[in-house]
Amino acid sequence: MQEPPFDVEGFPAQPLTARVATNGPTVRPTRARLSARVREDPAVAPVVDVYEPAGGLTRQVIANGTAELLPFDVPRGRRKLSRYPGPDGSRWDERFRRRLHDDPGERGTVWSRPRPRRPHTAKPAFRVG
Protein backbone atom coordinates (compact mmCIF):
# COMPACT_ATOMS: atom_id res chain seq x y z
CA MET A 1 0.00 0.00 0.00
CA GLN A 2 1.34 3.41 -0.98
CA GLU A 3 1.98 5.95 1.79
CA PRO A 4 -0.25 9.05 1.64
CA PRO A 5 1.55 12.19 0.43
CA PHE A 6 0.96 13.95 3.80
CA ASP A 7 -0.28 13.39 7.37
CA VAL A 8 -3.92 12.39 6.79
CA GLU A 9 -4.80 12.40 10.50
CA GLY A 10 -3.15 15.74 11.30
CA PHE A 11 -4.25 17.62 8.19
CA PRO A 12 -7.99 17.92 9.02
CA ALA A 13 -7.10 18.99 12.58
CA GLN A 14 -5.66 22.25 11.24
CA PRO A 15 -7.83 25.39 11.23
CA LEU A 16 -9.21 24.77 7.74
CA THR A 17 -12.71 25.04 6.29
CA ALA A 18 -14.49 21.75 5.72
CA ARG A 19 -17.33 21.17 3.30
CA VAL A 20 -19.81 18.33 3.03
CA ALA A 21 -21.21 16.92 -0.18
CA THR A 22 -24.67 15.35 0.08
CA ASN A 23 -26.89 13.59 -2.38
CA GLY A 24 -28.53 16.16 -4.57
CA PRO A 25 -25.75 16.86 -5.43
CA THR A 26 -24.81 19.78 -3.27
CA VAL A 27 -21.69 20.92 -1.45
CA ARG A 28 -22.01 23.11 1.63
CA PRO A 29 -19.82 24.37 4.48
CA THR A 30 -20.07 22.08 7.49
CA ARG A 31 -21.97 24.74 9.39
CA ALA A 32 -24.76 24.80 6.78
CA ARG A 33 -28.23 23.43 7.38
CA LEU A 34 -27.76 19.86 6.23
CA SER A 35 -30.24 18.04 8.46
CA ALA A 36 -33.05 17.83 5.88
CA ARG A 37 -30.70 16.34 3.28
CA VAL A 38 -29.19 13.89 5.78
CA ARG A 39 -32.66 12.79 6.90
CA GLU A 40 -33.59 12.16 3.27
CA ASP A 41 -30.33 10.37 2.38
CA PRO A 42 -27.53 9.94 4.96
CA ALA A 43 -24.79 9.50 2.31
CA VAL A 44 -22.18 12.25 2.77
CA ALA A 45 -18.63 13.06 1.71
CA PRO A 46 -16.87 15.50 4.07
CA VAL A 47 -13.93 17.26 2.40
CA VAL A 48 -11.09 19.23 4.00
CA ASP A 49 -8.69 20.80 1.56
CA VAL A 50 -6.21 23.58 0.99
CA TYR A 51 -5.30 25.27 -2.26
CA GLU A 52 -2.42 27.75 -2.30
CA PRO A 53 -1.58 28.51 -5.93
CA ALA A 54 1.28 30.90 -5.13
CA GLY A 55 3.30 28.16 -3.44
CA GLY A 56 1.89 25.19 -5.34
CA LEU A 57 0.37 23.54 -2.25
CA THR A 58 -2.75 21.45 -2.79
CA ARG A 59 -3.96 18.86 -0.30
CA GLN A 60 -7.29 17.19 0.17
CA VAL A 61 -8.84 14.59 2.47
CA ILE A 62 -12.20 13.10 1.49
CA ALA A 63 -14.15 10.71 3.71
CA ASN A 64 -17.14 9.04 2.02
CA GLY A 65 -19.68 7.51 4.36
CA THR A 66 -22.96 8.17 6.08
CA ALA A 67 -24.05 10.70 8.69
CA GLU A 68 -26.30 10.47 11.69
CA LEU A 69 -28.23 13.28 13.33
CA LEU A 70 -27.78 13.79 17.08
CA PRO A 71 -29.42 16.12 19.60
CA PHE A 72 -27.79 19.55 19.81
CA ASP A 73 -25.27 19.83 22.66
CA VAL A 74 -24.95 23.44 23.93
CA PRO A 75 -21.62 23.00 25.81
CA ARG A 76 -20.08 21.35 22.75
CA GLY A 77 -21.39 24.17 20.55
CA ARG A 78 -19.79 26.73 22.86
CA ARG A 79 -16.44 24.87 22.76
CA LYS A 80 -16.50 24.74 18.96
CA LEU A 81 -17.42 28.41 18.63
CA SER A 82 -14.70 29.39 21.11
CA ARG A 83 -12.14 27.89 18.71
CA TYR A 84 -13.24 29.98 15.73
CA PRO A 85 -14.81 33.38 16.48
CA GLY A 86 -12.98 33.38 19.85
CA PRO A 87 -13.75 32.79 23.52
CA ASP A 88 -15.67 36.06 24.09
CA GLY A 89 -19.27 35.05 23.28
CA SER A 90 -20.44 38.67 23.50
CA ARG A 91 -18.44 39.39 20.31
CA TRP A 92 -19.89 36.49 18.29
CA ASP A 93 -22.24 37.12 15.43
CA GLU A 94 -25.86 37.19 16.63
CA ARG A 95 -26.64 34.06 14.58
CA PHE A 96 -24.14 32.02 16.63
CA ARG A 97 -25.36 33.34 19.98
CA ARG A 98 -28.98 32.67 18.98
CA ARG A 99 -28.16 29.07 17.97
CA LEU A 100 -26.66 28.36 21.38
CA HIS A 101 -29.51 29.84 23.39
CA ASP A 102 -32.60 29.01 21.33
CA ASP A 103 -34.60 25.89 22.08
CA PRO A 104 -33.05 23.17 19.84
CA GLY A 105 -36.38 21.32 19.75
CA GLU A 106 -38.23 24.39 18.53
CA ARG A 107 -35.60 25.45 15.99
CA GLY A 108 -34.70 21.92 14.93
CA THR A 109 -30.98 22.38 15.64
CA VAL A 110 -29.07 19.09 15.57
CA TRP A 111 -25.51 17.84 15.16
CA SER A 112 -24.62 15.94 12.03
CA ARG A 113 -21.93 13.33 12.72
CA PRO A 114 -20.31 11.76 9.66
CA ARG A 115 -19.31 8.11 9.84
CA PRO A 116 -16.63 7.76 7.17
CA ARG A 117 -15.92 4.34 5.72
CA ARG A 118 -12.41 5.16 4.65
CA PRO A 119 -10.74 8.55 4.29
CA HIS A 120 -8.60 9.01 1.24
CA THR A 121 -6.27 11.71 0.06
CA ALA A 122 -5.97 13.56 -3.17
CA LYS A 123 -3.27 15.88 -4.32
CA PRO A 124 -4.63 17.74 -7.32
CA ALA A 125 -1.88 18.80 -9.68
CA PHE A 126 -1.50 22.22 -11.21
CA ARG A 127 1.26 24.45 -12.53
CA VAL A 128 2.19 27.81 -11.05
CA GLY A 129 2.39 30.64 -13.60
C-alpha atoms as a PDB file:
ATOM      1  CA  MET A   1       0.000   0.000   0.000  1.00  0.00           C
ATOM      2  CA  GLN A   2       1.341   3.412  -0.976  1.00  0.00           C
ATOM      3  CA  GLU A   3       1.985   5.949   1.795  1.00  0.00           C
ATOM      4  CA  PRO A   4      -0.248   9.055   1.644  1.00  0.00           C
ATOM      5  CA  PRO A   5       1.545  12.190   0.430  1.00  0.00           C
ATOM      6  CA  PHE A   6       0.965  13.949   3.797  1.00  0.00           C
ATOM      7  CA  ASP A   7      -0.279  13.389   7.372  1.00  0.00           C
ATOM      8  CA  VAL A   8      -3.918  12.387   6.787  1.00  0.00           C
ATOM      9  CA  GLU A   9      -4.801  12.403  10.501  1.00  0.00           C
ATOM     10  CA  GLY A  10      -3.150  15.743  11.302  1.00  0.00           C
ATOM     11  CA  PHE A  11      -4.246  17.618   8.189  1.00  0.00           C
ATOM     12  CA  PRO A  12      -7.994  17.924   9.021  1.00  0.00           C
ATOM     13  CA  ALA A  13      -7.100  18.988  12.583  1.00  0.00           C
ATOM     14  CA  GLN A  14      -5.657  22.255  11.242  1.00  0.00           C
ATOM     15  CA  PRO A  15      -7.831  25.393  11.228  1.00  0.00           C
ATOM     16  CA  LEU A  16      -9.211  24.766   7.736  1.00  0.00           C
ATOM     17  CA  THR A  17     -12.705  25.040   6.292  1.00  0.00           C
ATOM     18  CA  ALA A  18     -14.488  21.752   5.724  1.00  0.00           C
ATOM     19  CA  ARG A  19     -17.330  21.170   3.297  1.00  0.00           C
ATOM     20  CA  VAL A  20     -19.809  18.334   3.027  1.00  0.00           C
ATOM     21  CA  ALA A  21     -21.212  16.917  -0.184  1.00  0.00           C
ATOM     22  CA  THR A  22     -24.670  15.351   0.077  1.00  0.00           C
ATOM     23  CA  ASN A  23     -26.890  13.588  -2.382  1.00  0.00           C
ATOM     24  CA  GLY A  24     -28.528  16.165  -4.570  1.00  0.00           C
ATOM     25  CA  PRO A  25     -25.746  16.856  -5.434  1.00  0.00           C
ATOM     26  CA  THR A  26     -24.815  19.783  -3.265  1.00  0.00           C
ATOM     27  CA  VAL A  27     -21.686  20.922  -1.448  1.00  0.00           C
ATOM     28  CA  ARG A  28     -22.013  23.109   1.633  1.00  0.00           C
ATOM     29  CA  PRO A  29     -19.818  24.375   4.477  1.00  0.00           C
ATOM     30  CA  THR A  30     -20.072  22.079   7.490  1.00  0.00           C
ATOM     31  CA  ARG A  31     -21.974  24.744   9.395  1.00  0.00           C
ATOM     32  CA  ALA A  32     -24.756  24.802   6.785  1.00  0.00           C
ATOM     33  CA  ARG A  33     -28.227  23.429   7.383  1.00  0.00           C
ATOM     34  CA  LEU A  34     -27.764  19.855   6.231  1.00  0.00           C
ATOM     35  CA  SER A  35     -30.241  18.043   8.462  1.00  0.00           C
ATOM     36  CA  ALA A  36     -33.048  17.832   5.879  1.00  0.00           C
ATOM     37  CA  ARG A  37     -30.696  16.340   3.282  1.00  0.00           C
ATOM     38  CA  VAL A  38     -29.186  13.892   5.778  1.00  0.00           C
ATOM     39  CA  ARG A  39     -32.657  12.786   6.903  1.00  0.00           C
ATOM     40  CA  GLU A  40     -33.587  12.156   3.269  1.00  0.00           C
ATOM     41  CA  ASP A  41     -30.331  10.371   2.381  1.00  0.00           C
ATOM     42  CA  PRO A  42     -27.531   9.945   4.957  1.00  0.00           C
ATOM     43  CA  ALA A  43     -24.787   9.497   2.312  1.00  0.00           C
ATOM     44  CA  VAL A  44     -22.175  12.246   2.773  1.00  0.00           C
ATOM     45  CA  ALA A  45     -18.634  13.064   1.711  1.00  0.00           C
ATOM     46  CA  PRO A  46     -16.869  15.503   4.074  1.00  0.00           C
ATOM     47  CA  VAL A  47     -13.928  17.263   2.404  1.00  0.00           C
ATOM     48  CA  VAL A  48     -11.085  19.225   4.002  1.00  0.00           C
ATOM     49  CA  ASP A  49      -8.691  20.804   1.558  1.00  0.00           C
ATOM     50  CA  VAL A  50      -6.211  23.576   0.985  1.00  0.00           C
ATOM     51  CA  TYR A  51      -5.296  25.270  -2.264  1.00  0.00           C
ATOM     52  CA  GLU A  52      -2.416  27.754  -2.296  1.00  0.00           C
ATOM     53  CA  PRO A  53      -1.578  28.515  -5.932  1.00  0.00           C
ATOM     54  CA  ALA A  54       1.284  30.898  -5.129  1.00  0.00           C
ATOM     55  CA  GLY A  55       3.297  28.159  -3.443  1.00  0.00           C
ATOM     56  CA  GLY A  56       1.891  25.193  -5.337  1.00  0.00           C
ATOM     57  CA  LEU A  57       0.367  23.543  -2.255  1.00  0.00           C
ATOM     58  CA  THR A  58      -2.755  21.449  -2.787  1.00  0.00           C
ATOM     59  CA  ARG A  59      -3.961  18.862  -0.298  1.00  0.00           C
ATOM     60  CA  GLN A  60      -7.288  17.190   0.174  1.00  0.00           C
ATOM     61  CA  VAL A  61      -8.837  14.585   2.471  1.00  0.00           C
ATOM     62  CA  ILE A  62     -12.202  13.098   1.491  1.00  0.00           C
ATOM     63  CA  ALA A  63     -14.153  10.707   3.711  1.00  0.00           C
ATOM     64  CA  ASN A  64     -17.137   9.039   2.024  1.00  0.00           C
ATOM     65  CA  GLY A  65     -19.676   7.510   4.359  1.00  0.00           C
ATOM     66  CA  THR A  66     -22.959   8.171   6.085  1.00  0.00           C
ATOM     67  CA  ALA A  67     -24.050  10.705   8.694  1.00  0.00           C
ATOM     68  CA  GLU A  68     -26.302  10.471  11.689  1.00  0.00           C
ATOM     69  CA  LEU A  69     -28.232  13.283  13.329  1.00  0.00           C
ATOM     70  CA  LEU A  70     -27.784  13.790  17.079  1.00  0.00           C
ATOM     71  CA  PRO A  71     -29.424  16.125  19.600  1.00  0.00           C
ATOM     72  CA  PHE A  72     -27.792  19.551  19.813  1.00  0.00           C
ATOM     73  CA  ASP A  73     -25.267  19.833  22.656  1.00  0.00           C
ATOM     74  CA  VAL A  74     -24.949  23.444  23.929  1.00  0.00           C
ATOM     75  CA  PRO A  75     -21.616  22.999  25.811  1.00  0.00           C
ATOM     76  CA  ARG A  76     -20.084  21.350  22.752  1.00  0.00           C
ATOM     77  CA  GLY A  77     -21.390  24.169  20.549  1.00  0.00           C
ATOM     78  CA  ARG A  78     -19.790  26.730  22.862  1.00  0.00           C
ATOM     79  CA  ARG A  79     -16.440  24.871  22.764  1.00  0.00           C
ATOM     80  CA  LYS A  80     -16.498  24.736  18.958  1.00  0.00           C
ATOM     81  CA  LEU A  81     -17.417  28.407  18.626  1.00  0.00           C
ATOM     82  CA  SER A  82     -14.697  29.389  21.106  1.00  0.00           C
ATOM     83  CA  ARG A  83     -12.142  27.893  18.712  1.00  0.00           C
ATOM     84  CA  TYR A  84     -13.242  29.976  15.730  1.00  0.00           C
ATOM     85  CA  PRO A  85     -14.809  33.378  16.481  1.00  0.00           C
ATOM     86  CA  GLY A  86     -12.983  33.383  19.847  1.00  0.00           C
ATOM     87  CA  PRO A  87     -13.752  32.790  23.519  1.00  0.00           C
ATOM     88  CA  ASP A  88     -15.674  36.057  24.095  1.00  0.00           C
ATOM     89  CA  GLY A  89     -19.269  35.051  23.283  1.00  0.00           C
ATOM     90  CA  SER A  90     -20.435  38.672  23.502  1.00  0.00           C
ATOM     91  CA  ARG A  91     -18.443  39.387  20.306  1.00  0.00           C
ATOM     92  CA  TRP A  92     -19.891  36.485  18.295  1.00  0.00           C
ATOM     93  CA  ASP A  93     -22.239  37.118  15.426  1.00  0.00           C
ATOM     94  CA  GLU A  94     -25.855  37.189  16.629  1.00  0.00           C
ATOM     95  CA  ARG A  95     -26.641  34.060  14.579  1.00  0.00           C
ATOM     96  CA  PHE A  96     -24.144  32.018  16.630  1.00  0.00           C
ATOM     97  CA  ARG A  97     -25.364  33.337  19.978  1.00  0.00           C
ATOM     98  CA  ARG A  98     -28.982  32.667  18.981  1.00  0.00           C
ATOM     99  CA  ARG A  99     -28.156  29.067  17.968  1.00  0.00           C
ATOM    100  CA  LEU A 100     -26.664  28.360  21.379  1.00  0.00           C
ATOM    101  CA  HIS A 101     -29.507  29.837  23.386  1.00  0.00           C
ATOM    102  CA  ASP A 102     -32.602  29.010  21.331  1.00  0.00           C
ATOM    103  CA  ASP A 103     -34.605  25.890  22.076  1.00  0.00           C
ATOM    104  CA  PRO A 104     -33.050  23.173  19.837  1.00  0.00           C
ATOM    105  CA  GLY A 105     -36.376  21.321  19.754  1.00  0.00           C
ATOM    106  CA  GLU A 106     -38.228  24.387  18.533  1.00  0.00           C
ATOM    107  CA  ARG A 107     -35.601  25.451  15.993  1.00  0.00           C
ATOM    108  CA  GLY A 108     -34.703  21.916  14.927  1.00  0.00           C
ATOM    109  CA  THR A 109     -30.984  22.376  15.641  1.00  0.00           C
ATOM    110  CA  VAL A 110     -29.067  19.086  15.571  1.00  0.00           C
ATOM    111  CA  TRP A 111     -25.511  17.838  15.157  1.00  0.00           C
ATOM    112  CA  SER A 112     -24.624  15.938  12.033  1.00  0.00           C
ATOM    113  CA  ARG A 113     -21.928  13.335  12.718  1.00  0.00           C
ATOM    114  CA  PRO A 114     -20.306  11.761   9.655  1.00  0.00           C
ATOM    115  CA  ARG A 115     -19.307   8.112   9.840  1.00  0.00           C
ATOM    116  CA  PRO A 116     -16.629   7.756   7.168  1.00  0.00           C
ATOM    117  CA  ARG A 117     -15.923   4.340   5.718  1.00  0.00           C
ATOM    118  CA  ARG A 118     -12.408   5.157   4.646  1.00  0.00           C
ATOM    119  CA  PRO A 119     -10.744   8.554   4.290  1.00  0.00           C
ATOM    120  CA  HIS A 120      -8.596   9.009   1.240  1.00  0.00           C
ATOM    121  CA  THR A 121      -6.270  11.708   0.058  1.00  0.00           C
ATOM    122  CA  ALA A 122      -5.972  13.557  -3.169  1.00  0.00           C
ATOM    123  CA  LYS A 123      -3.269  15.882  -4.317  1.00  0.00           C
ATOM    124  CA  PRO A 124      -4.633  17.737  -7.320  1.00  0.00           C
ATOM    125  CA  ALA A 125      -1.880  18.799  -9.680  1.00  0.00           C
ATOM    126  CA  PHE A 126      -1.497  22.223 -11.206  1.00  0.00           C
ATOM    127  CA  ARG A 127       1.260  24.446 -12.525  1.00  0.00           C
ATOM    128  CA  VAL A 128       2.190  27.809 -11.052  1.00  0.00           C
ATOM    129  CA  GLY A 129       2.388  30.641 -13.600  1.00  0.00           C
END
